[in-house]
Each structure stands twice: as structure tokens, then as C-alpha cells.
Amino acid sequence: EREGVSCLSINDDYTYYTDNVKGRFTLSRDKVKNTMTLQLHNLAPE
């Protein structure tokens, strides 16, 4: 099933990560480029 991993609130006030990715993934937004980025570290097969 599709699962949510992370979200970032409007105004960048709050970031949420699921327990299985917290500490390994980072979500951010670039206002100038109008993009969002997810950095994934220490990746595992799952």
C-alpha cells in the first residue's frame, strides 16, 4: 500500500516524518526554485 513518508507545512513551520524514516530522510523546500527536496540517507532494501 502507498504510504506517506514526510510532510512539510505551509510556511515551513512543521515537518513530520514517519518513524521508519525519521533521522534518515530530510524534507525541505526551495522557495526560489519552486521545488521540494527529499534527502534520503542510509538507505535500506525496505
All heavy atoms as atom14 arrays in JSON, in Angstrom:
{
  "sequence": "EREGVSCLSINDDYTYYTDNVKGRFTLSRDKVKNTMTLQLHNLAPE",
  "atom14_mask": [
    [1, 1, 1, 1, 1, 1, 1, 1, 1, 0, 0, 0, 0, 0],
    [1, 1, 1, 1, 1, 1, 1, 1, 1, 1, 1, 0, 0, 0],
    [1, 1, 1, 1, 1, 1, 1, 1, 1, 0, 0, 0, 0, 0],
    [1, 1, 1, 1, 0, 0, 0, 0, 0, 0, 0, 0, 0, 0],
    [1, 1, 1, 1, 1, 1, 1, 0, 0, 0, 0, 0, 0, 0],
    [1, 1, 1, 1, 1, 1, 0, 0, 0, 0, 0, 0, 0, 0],
    [1, 1, 1, 1, 1, 1, 0, 0, 0, 0, 0, 0, 0, 0],
    [1, 1, 1, 1, 1, 1, 1, 1, 0, 0, 0, 0, 0, 0],
    [1, 1, 1, 1, 1, 1, 0, 0, 0, 0, 0, 0, 0, 0],
    [1, 1, 1, 1, 1, 1, 1, 1, 0, 0, 0, 0, 0, 0],
    [1, 1, 1, 1, 1, 1, 1, 1, 0, 0, 0, 0, 0, 0],
    [1, 1, 1, 1, 1, 1, 1, 1, 0, 0, 0, 0, 0, 0],
    [1, 1, 1, 1, 1, 1, 1, 1, 0, 0, 0, 0, 0, 0],
    [1, 1, 1, 1, 1, 1, 1, 1, 1, 1, 1, 1, 0, 0],
    [1, 1, 1, 1, 1, 1, 1, 0, 0, 0, 0, 0, 0, 0],
    [1, 1, 1, 1, 1, 1, 1, 1, 1, 1, 1, 1, 0, 0],
    [1, 1, 1, 1, 1, 1, 1, 1, 1, 1, 1, 1, 0, 0],
    [1, 1, 1, 1, 1, 1, 1, 0, 0, 0, 0, 0, 0, 0],
    [1, 1, 1, 1, 1, 1, 1, 1, 0, 0, 0, 0, 0, 0],
    [1, 1, 1, 1, 1, 1, 1, 1, 0, 0, 0, 0, 0, 0],
    [1, 1, 1, 1, 1, 1, 1, 0, 0, 0, 0, 0, 0, 0],
    [1, 1, 1, 1, 1, 1, 1, 1, 1, 0, 0, 0, 0, 0],
    [1, 1, 1, 1, 0, 0, 0, 0, 0, 0, 0, 0, 0, 0],
    [1, 1, 1, 1, 1, 1, 1, 1, 1, 1, 1, 0, 0, 0],
    [1, 1, 1, 1, 1, 1, 1, 1, 1, 1, 1, 0, 0, 0],
    [1, 1, 1, 1, 1, 1, 1, 0, 0, 0, 0, 0, 0, 0],
    [1, 1, 1, 1, 1, 1, 1, 1, 0, 0, 0, 0, 0, 0],
    [1, 1, 1, 1, 1, 1, 0, 0, 0, 0, 0, 0, 0, 0],
    [1, 1, 1, 1, 1, 1, 1, 1, 1, 1, 1, 0, 0, 0],
    [1, 1, 1, 1, 1, 1, 1, 1, 0, 0, 0, 0, 0, 0],
    [1, 1, 1, 1, 1, 1, 1, 1, 1, 0, 0, 0, 0, 0],
    [1, 1, 1, 1, 1, 1, 1, 0, 0, 0, 0, 0, 0, 0],
    [1, 1, 1, 1, 1, 1, 1, 1, 1, 0, 0, 0, 0, 0],
    [1, 1, 1, 1, 1, 1, 1, 1, 0, 0, 0, 0, 0, 0],
    [1, 1, 1, 1, 1, 1, 1, 0, 0, 0, 0, 0, 0, 0],
    [1, 1, 1, 1, 1, 1, 1, 1, 0, 0, 0, 0, 0, 0],
    [1, 1, 1, 1, 1, 1, 1, 0, 0, 0, 0, 0, 0, 0],
    [1, 1, 1, 1, 1, 1, 1, 1, 0, 0, 0, 0, 0, 0],
    [1, 1, 1, 1, 1, 1, 1, 1, 1, 0, 0, 0, 0, 0],
    [1, 1, 1, 1, 1, 1, 1, 1, 0, 0, 0, 0, 0, 0],
    [1, 1, 1, 1, 1, 1, 1, 1, 1, 1, 0, 0, 0, 0],
    [1, 1, 1, 1, 1, 1, 1, 1, 0, 0, 0, 0, 0, 0],
    [1, 1, 1, 1, 1, 1, 1, 1, 0, 0, 0, 0, 0, 0],
    [1, 1, 1, 1, 1, 0, 0, 0, 0, 0, 0, 0, 0, 0],
    [1, 1, 1, 1, 1, 1, 1, 0, 0, 0, 0, 0, 0, 0],
    [1, 1, 1, 1, 1, 1, 1, 1, 1, 0, 0, 0, 0, 0]
  ],
  "atom14_positions": [
    [[0.82, -1.2, 0.0], [0.0, 0.0, 0.0], [0.86, 1.26, 0.0], [1.94, 1.28, 0.59], [-0.91, -0.02, 1.23], [-1.9, 1.12, 1.3], [-2.81, 1.01, 2.51], [-2.93, -0.11, 3.06], [-3.4, 2.02, 2.91], [0.0, 0.0, 0.0], [0.0, 0.0, 0.0], [0.0, 0.0, 0.0], [0.0, 0.0, 0.0], [0.0, 0.0, 0.0]],
    [[0.39, 2.28, -0.67], [1.09, 3.55, -0.65], [1.09, 4.13, 0.76], [0.08, 4.1, 1.45], [0.42, 4.54, -1.62], [1.12, 5.9, -1.69], [0.43, 6.8, -2.7], [-0.96, 7.01, -2.37], [-1.8, 7.76, -3.08], [-1.38, 8.37, -4.2], [-3.07, 7.88, -2.71], [0.0, 0.0, 0.0], [0.0, 0.0, 0.0], [0.0, 0.0, 0.0]],
    [[2.22, 4.66, 1.17], [2.34, 5.22, 2.5], [2.96, 6.6, 2.45], [3.84, 6.88, 1.64], [3.18, 4.31, 3.4], [4.62, 4.15, 2.95], [5.48, 3.42, 3.96], [5.01, 3.16, 5.08], [6.64, 3.09, 3.61], [0.0, 0.0, 0.0], [0.0, 0.0, 0.0], [0.0, 0.0, 0.0], [0.0, 0.0, 0.0], [0.0, 0.0, 0.0]],
    [[2.48, 7.46, 3.32], [3.11, 8.75, 3.48], [4.43, 8.61, 4.19], [4.58, 7.8, 5.11], [0.0, 0.0, 0.0], [0.0, 0.0, 0.0], [0.0, 0.0, 0.0], [0.0, 0.0, 0.0], [0.0, 0.0, 0.0], [0.0, 0.0, 0.0], [0.0, 0.0, 0.0], [0.0, 0.0, 0.0], [0.0, 0.0, 0.0], [0.0, 0.0, 0.0]],
    [[5.4, 9.39, 3.79], [6.74, 9.35, 4.36], [7.02, 10.6, 5.18], [7.51, 10.53, 6.3], [7.8, 9.18, 3.26], [9.2, 9.31, 3.83], [7.62, 7.84, 2.56], [0.0, 0.0, 0.0], [0.0, 0.0, 0.0], [0.0, 0.0, 0.0], [0.0, 0.0, 0.0], [0.0, 0.0, 0.0], [0.0, 0.0, 0.0], [0.0, 0.0, 0.0]],
    [[6.72, 11.75, 4.6], [7.07, 13.0, 5.24], [6.2, 14.12, 4.7], [5.73, 14.06, 3.57], [8.55, 13.32, 4.99], [8.92, 14.55, 5.58], [0.0, 0.0, 0.0], [0.0, 0.0, 0.0], [0.0, 0.0, 0.0], [0.0, 0.0, 0.0], [0.0, 0.0, 0.0], [0.0, 0.0, 0.0], [0.0, 0.0, 0.0], [0.0, 0.0, 0.0]],
    [[6.0, 15.14, 5.49], [5.31, 16.33, 5.01], [5.91, 17.57, 5.67], [6.48, 17.51, 6.75], [3.8, 16.26, 5.26], [3.27, 16.23, 6.99], [0.0, 0.0, 0.0], [0.0, 0.0, 0.0], [0.0, 0.0, 0.0], [0.0, 0.0, 0.0], [0.0, 0.0, 0.0], [0.0, 0.0, 0.0], [0.0, 0.0, 0.0], [0.0, 0.0, 0.0]],
    [[5.74, 18.68, 4.97], [6.22, 19.97, 5.42], [5.07, 20.95, 5.31], [4.45, 21.08, 4.25], [7.41, 20.43, 4.57], [7.99, 21.82, 4.83], [8.59, 21.89, 6.23], [9.05, 22.15, 3.78], [0.0, 0.0, 0.0], [0.0, 0.0, 0.0], [0.0, 0.0, 0.0], [0.0, 0.0, 0.0], [0.0, 0.0, 0.0], [0.0, 0.0, 0.0]],
    [[4.78, 21.64, 6.4], [3.63, 22.52, 6.43], [3.86, 23.79, 5.62], [4.99, 24.14, 5.27], [3.3, 22.9, 7.88], [4.29, 23.77, 8.39], [0.0, 0.0, 0.0], [0.0, 0.0, 0.0], [0.0, 0.0, 0.0], [0.0, 0.0, 0.0], [0.0, 0.0, 0.0], [0.0, 0.0, 0.0], [0.0, 0.0, 0.0], [0.0, 0.0, 0.0]],
    [[2.76, 24.46, 5.32], [2.86, 25.78, 4.73], [3.66, 26.67, 5.67], [3.61, 26.5, 6.9], [1.45, 26.35, 4.46], [1.53, 27.63, 3.63], [0.7, 26.59, 5.76], [0.18, 28.12, 3.15], [0.0, 0.0, 0.0], [0.0, 0.0, 0.0], [0.0, 0.0, 0.0], [0.0, 0.0, 0.0], [0.0, 0.0, 0.0], [0.0, 0.0, 0.0]],
    [[4.41, 27.57, 5.11], [5.27, 28.48, 5.86], [6.45, 27.77, 6.53], [7.16, 28.38, 7.32], [4.46, 29.24, 6.92], [5.06, 30.59, 7.26], [5.62, 31.27, 6.39], [4.95, 30.98, 8.51], [0.0, 0.0, 0.0], [0.0, 0.0, 0.0], [0.0, 0.0, 0.0], [0.0, 0.0, 0.0], [0.0, 0.0, 0.0], [0.0, 0.0, 0.0]],
    [[6.65, 26.49, 6.23], [7.76, 25.7, 6.76], [7.79, 25.69, 8.28], [8.85, 25.62, 8.9], [9.1, 26.22, 6.22], [9.29, 25.97, 4.75], [8.42, 25.32, 4.13], [10.31, 26.43, 4.19], [0.0, 0.0, 0.0], [0.0, 0.0, 0.0], [0.0, 0.0, 0.0], [0.0, 0.0, 0.0], [0.0, 0.0, 0.0], [0.0, 0.0, 0.0]],
    [[6.61, 25.73, 8.9], [6.52, 25.74, 10.35], [6.81, 24.39, 10.99], [7.32, 24.32, 12.1], [5.12, 26.19, 10.79], [4.88, 27.67, 10.62], [5.86, 28.43, 10.5], [3.7, 28.06, 10.62], [0.0, 0.0, 0.0], [0.0, 0.0, 0.0], [0.0, 0.0, 0.0], [0.0, 0.0, 0.0], [0.0, 0.0, 0.0], [0.0, 0.0, 0.0]],
    [[6.48, 23.32, 10.3], [6.46, 22.0, 10.91], [6.81, 20.94, 9.88], [6.35, 21.0, 8.74], [5.07, 21.73, 11.49], [4.84, 20.34, 12.01], [5.28, 19.97, 13.28], [4.16, 19.39, 11.25], [5.06, 18.69, 13.77], [3.93, 18.11, 11.72], [4.38, 17.77, 12.99], [4.15, 16.5, 13.47], [0.0, 0.0, 0.0], [0.0, 0.0, 0.0]],
    [[7.61, 20.0, 10.29], [7.97, 18.86, 9.44], [7.65, 17.58, 10.18], [7.95, 17.43, 11.36], [9.47, 18.88, 9.08], [9.84, 20.17, 8.6], [9.76, 17.85, 8.0], [0.0, 0.0, 0.0], [0.0, 0.0, 0.0], [0.0, 0.0, 0.0], [0.0, 0.0, 0.0], [0.0, 0.0, 0.0], [0.0, 0.0, 0.0], [0.0, 0.0, 0.0]],
    [[7.05, 16.66, 9.48], [6.71, 15.36, 10.05], [7.37, 14.25, 9.25], [7.38, 14.27, 8.02], [5.2, 15.15, 10.07], [4.81, 13.76, 10.53], [4.8, 13.43, 11.88], [4.47, 12.77, 9.61], [4.47, 12.16, 12.3], [4.14, 11.49, 10.03], [4.14, 11.2, 11.38], [3.81, 9.94, 11.8], [0.0, 0.0, 0.0], [0.0, 0.0, 0.0]],
    [[7.9, 13.26, 9.98], [8.47, 12.07, 9.37], [7.89, 10.84, 10.04], [7.71, 10.82, 11.26], [9.99, 12.03, 9.52], [10.71, 13.22, 8.94], [11.01, 14.32, 9.73], [11.09, 13.24, 7.61], [11.68, 15.41, 9.2], [11.76, 14.32, 7.07], [12.05, 15.41, 7.88], [12.73, 16.49, 7.35], [0.0, 0.0, 0.0], [0.0, 0.0, 0.0]],
    [[7.65, 9.81, 9.28], [7.25, 8.55, 9.88], [8.43, 7.96, 10.65], [9.6, 8.27, 10.37], [6.75, 7.56, 8.83], [7.78, 7.35, 7.85], [5.5, 8.08, 8.14], [0.0, 0.0, 0.0], [0.0, 0.0, 0.0], [0.0, 0.0, 0.0], [0.0, 0.0, 0.0], [0.0, 0.0, 0.0], [0.0, 0.0, 0.0], [0.0, 0.0, 0.0]],
    [[8.12, 7.1, 11.61], [9.16, 6.57, 12.48], [10.23, 5.81, 11.72], [11.4, 5.82, 12.12], [8.55, 5.67, 13.54], [7.75, 6.43, 14.58], [7.96, 7.65, 14.72], [6.93, 5.79, 15.27], [0.0, 0.0, 0.0], [0.0, 0.0, 0.0], [0.0, 0.0, 0.0], [0.0, 0.0, 0.0], [0.0, 0.0, 0.0], [0.0, 0.0, 0.0]],
    [[9.86, 5.16, 10.64], [10.83, 4.34, 9.94], [11.77, 5.13, 9.04], [12.71, 4.55, 8.48], [10.14, 3.23, 9.13], [9.11, 3.74, 8.15], [8.84, 4.94, 8.08], [8.52, 2.82, 7.39], [0.0, 0.0, 0.0], [0.0, 0.0, 0.0], [0.0, 0.0, 0.0], [0.0, 0.0, 0.0], [0.0, 0.0, 0.0], [0.0, 0.0, 0.0]],
    [[11.55, 6.43, 8.9], [12.48, 7.25, 8.12], [13.07, 8.4, 8.92], [14.05, 9.01, 8.48], [11.83, 7.81, 6.83], [11.19, 6.68, 6.02], [10.81, 8.89, 7.15], [0.0, 0.0, 0.0], [0.0, 0.0, 0.0], [0.0, 0.0, 0.0], [0.0, 0.0, 0.0], [0.0, 0.0, 0.0], [0.0, 0.0, 0.0], [0.0, 0.0, 0.0]],
    [[12.5, 8.69, 10.06], [12.97, 9.81, 10.86], [14.44, 9.63, 11.22], [14.86, 8.57, 11.66], [12.12, 9.96, 12.12], [12.39, 11.24, 12.89], [11.39, 11.42, 14.02], [11.56, 12.75, 14.71], [10.56, 12.95, 15.78], [0.0, 0.0, 0.0], [0.0, 0.0, 0.0], [0.0, 0.0, 0.0], [0.0, 0.0, 0.0], [0.0, 0.0, 0.0]],
    [[15.2, 10.69, 11.04], [16.63, 10.63, 11.28], [17.44, 10.25, 10.07], [18.67, 10.42, 10.07], [0.0, 0.0, 0.0], [0.0, 0.0, 0.0], [0.0, 0.0, 0.0], [0.0, 0.0, 0.0], [0.0, 0.0, 0.0], [0.0, 0.0, 0.0], [0.0, 0.0, 0.0], [0.0, 0.0, 0.0], [0.0, 0.0, 0.0], [0.0, 0.0, 0.0]],
    [[16.79, 9.73, 9.04], [17.47, 9.34, 7.81], [17.05, 10.18, 6.61], [17.84, 10.38, 5.7], [17.21, 7.86, 7.51], [17.7, 6.91, 8.58], [17.6, 5.45, 8.13], [16.22, 5.06, 7.84], [15.8, 4.65, 6.65], [16.65, 4.54, 5.64], [14.53, 4.3, 6.47], [0.0, 0.0, 0.0], [0.0, 0.0, 0.0], [0.0, 0.0, 0.0]],
    [[15.81, 10.65, 6.6], [15.29, 11.44, 5.49], [15.09, 12.88, 5.94], [14.74, 13.14, 7.1], [13.95, 10.89, 5.0], [14.01, 9.54, 4.34], [15.17, 8.79, 4.31], [12.86, 9.02, 3.75], [15.21, 7.55, 3.7], [12.89, 7.78, 3.14], [14.06, 7.04, 3.11], [0.0, 0.0, 0.0], [0.0, 0.0, 0.0], [0.0, 0.0, 0.0]],
    [[15.26, 13.81, 5.02], [15.05, 15.22, 5.3], [14.26, 15.86, 4.17], [14.66, 15.76, 3.01], [16.38, 15.97, 5.47], [17.14, 15.38, 6.53], [16.11, 17.43, 5.81], [0.0, 0.0, 0.0], [0.0, 0.0, 0.0], [0.0, 0.0, 0.0], [0.0, 0.0, 0.0], [0.0, 0.0, 0.0], [0.0, 0.0, 0.0], [0.0, 0.0, 0.0]],
    [[13.16, 16.5, 4.52], [12.3, 17.19, 3.55], [12.51, 18.69, 3.67], [12.51, 19.23, 4.78], [10.84, 16.83, 3.8], [9.77, 17.59, 3.0], [9.96, 17.37, 1.51], [8.38, 17.15, 3.44], [0.0, 0.0, 0.0], [0.0, 0.0, 0.0], [0.0, 0.0, 0.0], [0.0, 0.0, 0.0], [0.0, 0.0, 0.0], [0.0, 0.0, 0.0]],
    [[12.66, 19.35, 2.54], [12.84, 20.79, 2.53], [12.21, 21.39, 1.29], [11.82, 20.69, 0.36], [14.33, 21.16, 2.6], [15.03, 20.68, 1.47], [0.0, 0.0, 0.0], [0.0, 0.0, 0.0], [0.0, 0.0, 0.0], [0.0, 0.0, 0.0], [0.0, 0.0, 0.0], [0.0, 0.0, 0.0], [0.0, 0.0, 0.0], [0.0, 0.0, 0.0]],
    [[12.11, 22.7, 1.3], [11.51, 23.42, 0.19], [12.43, 24.56, -0.23], [13.02, 25.23, 0.61], [10.13, 23.96, 0.61], [9.44, 24.79, -0.43], [8.02, 25.19, -0.06], [7.6, 24.93, 1.28], [6.39, 24.49, 1.62], [5.48, 24.27, 0.68], [6.08, 24.28, 2.89], [0.0, 0.0, 0.0], [0.0, 0.0, 0.0], [0.0, 0.0, 0.0]],
    [[12.57, 24.75, -1.52], [13.34, 25.85, -2.06], [12.36, 26.85, -2.67], [11.77, 26.58, -3.72], [14.34, 25.36, -3.11], [15.33, 26.43, -3.55], [14.91, 27.58, -3.77], [16.53, 26.12, -3.68], [0.0, 0.0, 0.0], [0.0, 0.0, 0.0], [0.0, 0.0, 0.0], [0.0, 0.0, 0.0], [0.0, 0.0, 0.0], [0.0, 0.0, 0.0]],
    [[12.18, 27.96, -2.03], [11.2, 28.94, -2.48], [11.57, 29.56, -3.82], [10.7, 29.83, -4.65], [11.03, 30.04, -1.42], [10.53, 29.55, -0.08], [10.43, 30.69, 0.91], [9.96, 30.19, 2.26], [9.86, 31.27, 3.26], [0.0, 0.0, 0.0], [0.0, 0.0, 0.0], [0.0, 0.0, 0.0], [0.0, 0.0, 0.0], [0.0, 0.0, 0.0]],
    [[12.86, 29.78, -4.02], [13.32, 30.43, -5.25], [13.12, 29.52, -6.45], [12.65, 29.94, -7.51], [14.79, 30.86, -5.14], [15.28, 31.42, -6.46], [14.94, 31.89, -4.03], [0.0, 0.0, 0.0], [0.0, 0.0, 0.0], [0.0, 0.0, 0.0], [0.0, 0.0, 0.0], [0.0, 0.0, 0.0], [0.0, 0.0, 0.0], [0.0, 0.0, 0.0]],
    [[13.5, 28.26, -6.3], [13.38, 27.3, -7.4], [11.98, 26.71, -7.53], [11.71, 26.02, -8.51], [14.4, 26.18, -7.21], [15.85, 26.63, -7.27], [16.79, 25.44, -7.09], [18.24, 25.87, -7.16], [19.16, 24.73, -6.96], [0.0, 0.0, 0.0], [0.0, 0.0, 0.0], [0.0, 0.0, 0.0], [0.0, 0.0, 0.0], [0.0, 0.0, 0.0]],
    [[11.12, 26.96, -6.55], [9.78, 26.39, -6.54], [9.85, 24.86, -6.6], [9.18, 24.22, -7.4], [8.93, 26.94, -7.69], [7.44, 26.74, -7.47], [6.94, 26.84, -6.35], [6.72, 26.44, -8.55], [0.0, 0.0, 0.0], [0.0, 0.0, 0.0], [0.0, 0.0, 0.0], [0.0, 0.0, 0.0], [0.0, 0.0, 0.0], [0.0, 0.0, 0.0]],
    [[10.69, 24.31, -5.74], [10.87, 22.87, -5.68], [10.79, 22.38, -4.24], [10.89, 23.16, -3.29], [12.23, 22.44, -6.27], [13.29, 23.04, -5.5], [12.36, 22.87, -7.72], [0.0, 0.0, 0.0], [0.0, 0.0, 0.0], [0.0, 0.0, 0.0], [0.0, 0.0, 0.0], [0.0, 0.0, 0.0], [0.0, 0.0, 0.0], [0.0, 0.0, 0.0]],
    [[10.62, 21.1, -4.09], [10.75, 20.44, -2.81], [11.74, 19.3, -2.97], [11.84, 18.69, -4.04], [9.41, 19.91, -2.3], [8.81, 18.79, -3.15], [7.23, 18.19, -2.51], [6.11, 19.28, -3.41], [0.0, 0.0, 0.0], [0.0, 0.0, 0.0], [0.0, 0.0, 0.0], [0.0, 0.0, 0.0], [0.0, 0.0, 0.0], [0.0, 0.0, 0.0]],
    [[12.46, 19.0, -1.91], [13.52, 18.02, -1.97], [13.4, 17.04, -0.81], [13.08, 17.43, 0.3], [14.9, 18.7, -1.91], [15.06, 19.54, -3.05], [16.03, 17.67, -1.9], [0.0, 0.0, 0.0], [0.0, 0.0, 0.0], [0.0, 0.0, 0.0], [0.0, 0.0, 0.0], [0.0, 0.0, 0.0], [0.0, 0.0, 0.0], [0.0, 0.0, 0.0]],
    [[13.64, 15.79, -1.1], [13.72, 14.77, -0.07], [15.11, 14.15, -0.13], [15.47, 13.53, -1.14], [12.65, 13.69, -0.26], [12.59, 12.62, 0.84], [12.09, 13.23, 2.15], [11.71, 11.45, 0.42], [0.0, 0.0, 0.0], [0.0, 0.0, 0.0], [0.0, 0.0, 0.0], [0.0, 0.0, 0.0], [0.0, 0.0, 0.0], [0.0, 0.0, 0.0]],
    [[15.88, 14.33, 0.92], [17.19, 13.72, 1.03], [17.06, 12.4, 1.78], [16.5, 12.37, 2.88], [18.16, 14.65, 1.76], [18.43, 15.95, 1.03], [19.32, 16.89, 1.82], [18.93, 17.39, 2.87], [20.53, 17.11, 1.32], [0.0, 0.0, 0.0], [0.0, 0.0, 0.0], [0.0, 0.0, 0.0], [0.0, 0.0, 0.0], [0.0, 0.0, 0.0]],
    [[17.56, 11.35, 1.18], [17.47, 10.02, 1.74], [18.87, 9.53, 2.06], [19.72, 9.47, 1.18], [16.79, 9.04, 0.78], [15.39, 9.38, 0.26], [15.47, 10.31, -0.95], [14.66, 8.1, -0.14], [0.0, 0.0, 0.0], [0.0, 0.0, 0.0], [0.0, 0.0, 0.0], [0.0, 0.0, 0.0], [0.0, 0.0, 0.0], [0.0, 0.0, 0.0]],
    [[19.1, 9.15, 3.3], [20.4, 8.67, 3.74], [20.27, 7.3, 4.38], [19.22, 6.93, 4.88], [21.03, 9.65, 4.72], [21.28, 11.01, 4.17], [22.25, 11.25, 3.21], [20.7, 12.2, 4.43], [22.25, 12.54, 2.9], [21.31, 13.13, 3.63], [0.0, 0.0, 0.0], [0.0, 0.0, 0.0], [0.0, 0.0, 0.0], [0.0, 0.0, 0.0]],
    [[21.39, 6.59, 4.38], [21.47, 5.27, 5.0], [20.33, 4.37, 4.51], [19.62, 3.75, 5.3], [21.44, 5.39, 6.52], [21.87, 4.11, 7.21], [22.58, 3.29, 6.63], [21.42, 3.93, 8.45], [0.0, 0.0, 0.0], [0.0, 0.0, 0.0], [0.0, 0.0, 0.0], [0.0, 0.0, 0.0], [0.0, 0.0, 0.0], [0.0, 0.0, 0.0]],
    [[20.19, 4.31, 3.21], [19.08, 3.57, 2.62], [19.21, 2.07, 2.85], [20.32, 1.52, 2.84], [19.0, 3.87, 1.13], [18.45, 5.26, 0.79], [18.79, 5.63, -0.64], [16.95, 5.29, 1.02], [0.0, 0.0, 0.0], [0.0, 0.0, 0.0], [0.0, 0.0, 0.0], [0.0, 0.0, 0.0], [0.0, 0.0, 0.0], [0.0, 0.0, 0.0]],
    [[18.08, 1.46, 3.04], [17.98, 0.02, 3.26], [17.06, -0.58, 2.2], [16.27, 0.13, 1.57], [17.44, -0.27, 4.66], [0.0, 0.0, 0.0], [0.0, 0.0, 0.0], [0.0, 0.0, 0.0], [0.0, 0.0, 0.0], [0.0, 0.0, 0.0], [0.0, 0.0, 0.0], [0.0, 0.0, 0.0], [0.0, 0.0, 0.0], [0.0, 0.0, 0.0]],
    [[17.14, -1.89, 1.99], [16.28, -2.51, 0.98], [14.8, -2.21, 1.17], [14.06, -2.09, 0.17], [16.58, -4.0, 1.15], [17.99, -4.04, 1.62], [18.11, -2.85, 2.54], [0.0, 0.0, 0.0], [0.0, 0.0, 0.0], [0.0, 0.0, 0.0], [0.0, 0.0, 0.0], [0.0, 0.0, 0.0], [0.0, 0.0, 0.0], [0.0, 0.0, 0.0]],
    [[14.35, -2.09, 2.39], [12.94, -1.8, 2.63], [12.53, -0.39, 2.21], [11.33, -0.08, 2.2], [12.58, -2.02, 4.11], [13.47, -1.25, 5.07], [14.6, -2.09, 5.62], [15.15, -2.91, 4.87], [14.94, -1.92, 6.81], [0.0, 0.0, 0.0], [0.0, 0.0, 0.0], [0.0, 0.0, 0.0], [0.0, 0.0, 0.0], [0.0, 0.0, 0.0]]
  ]
}
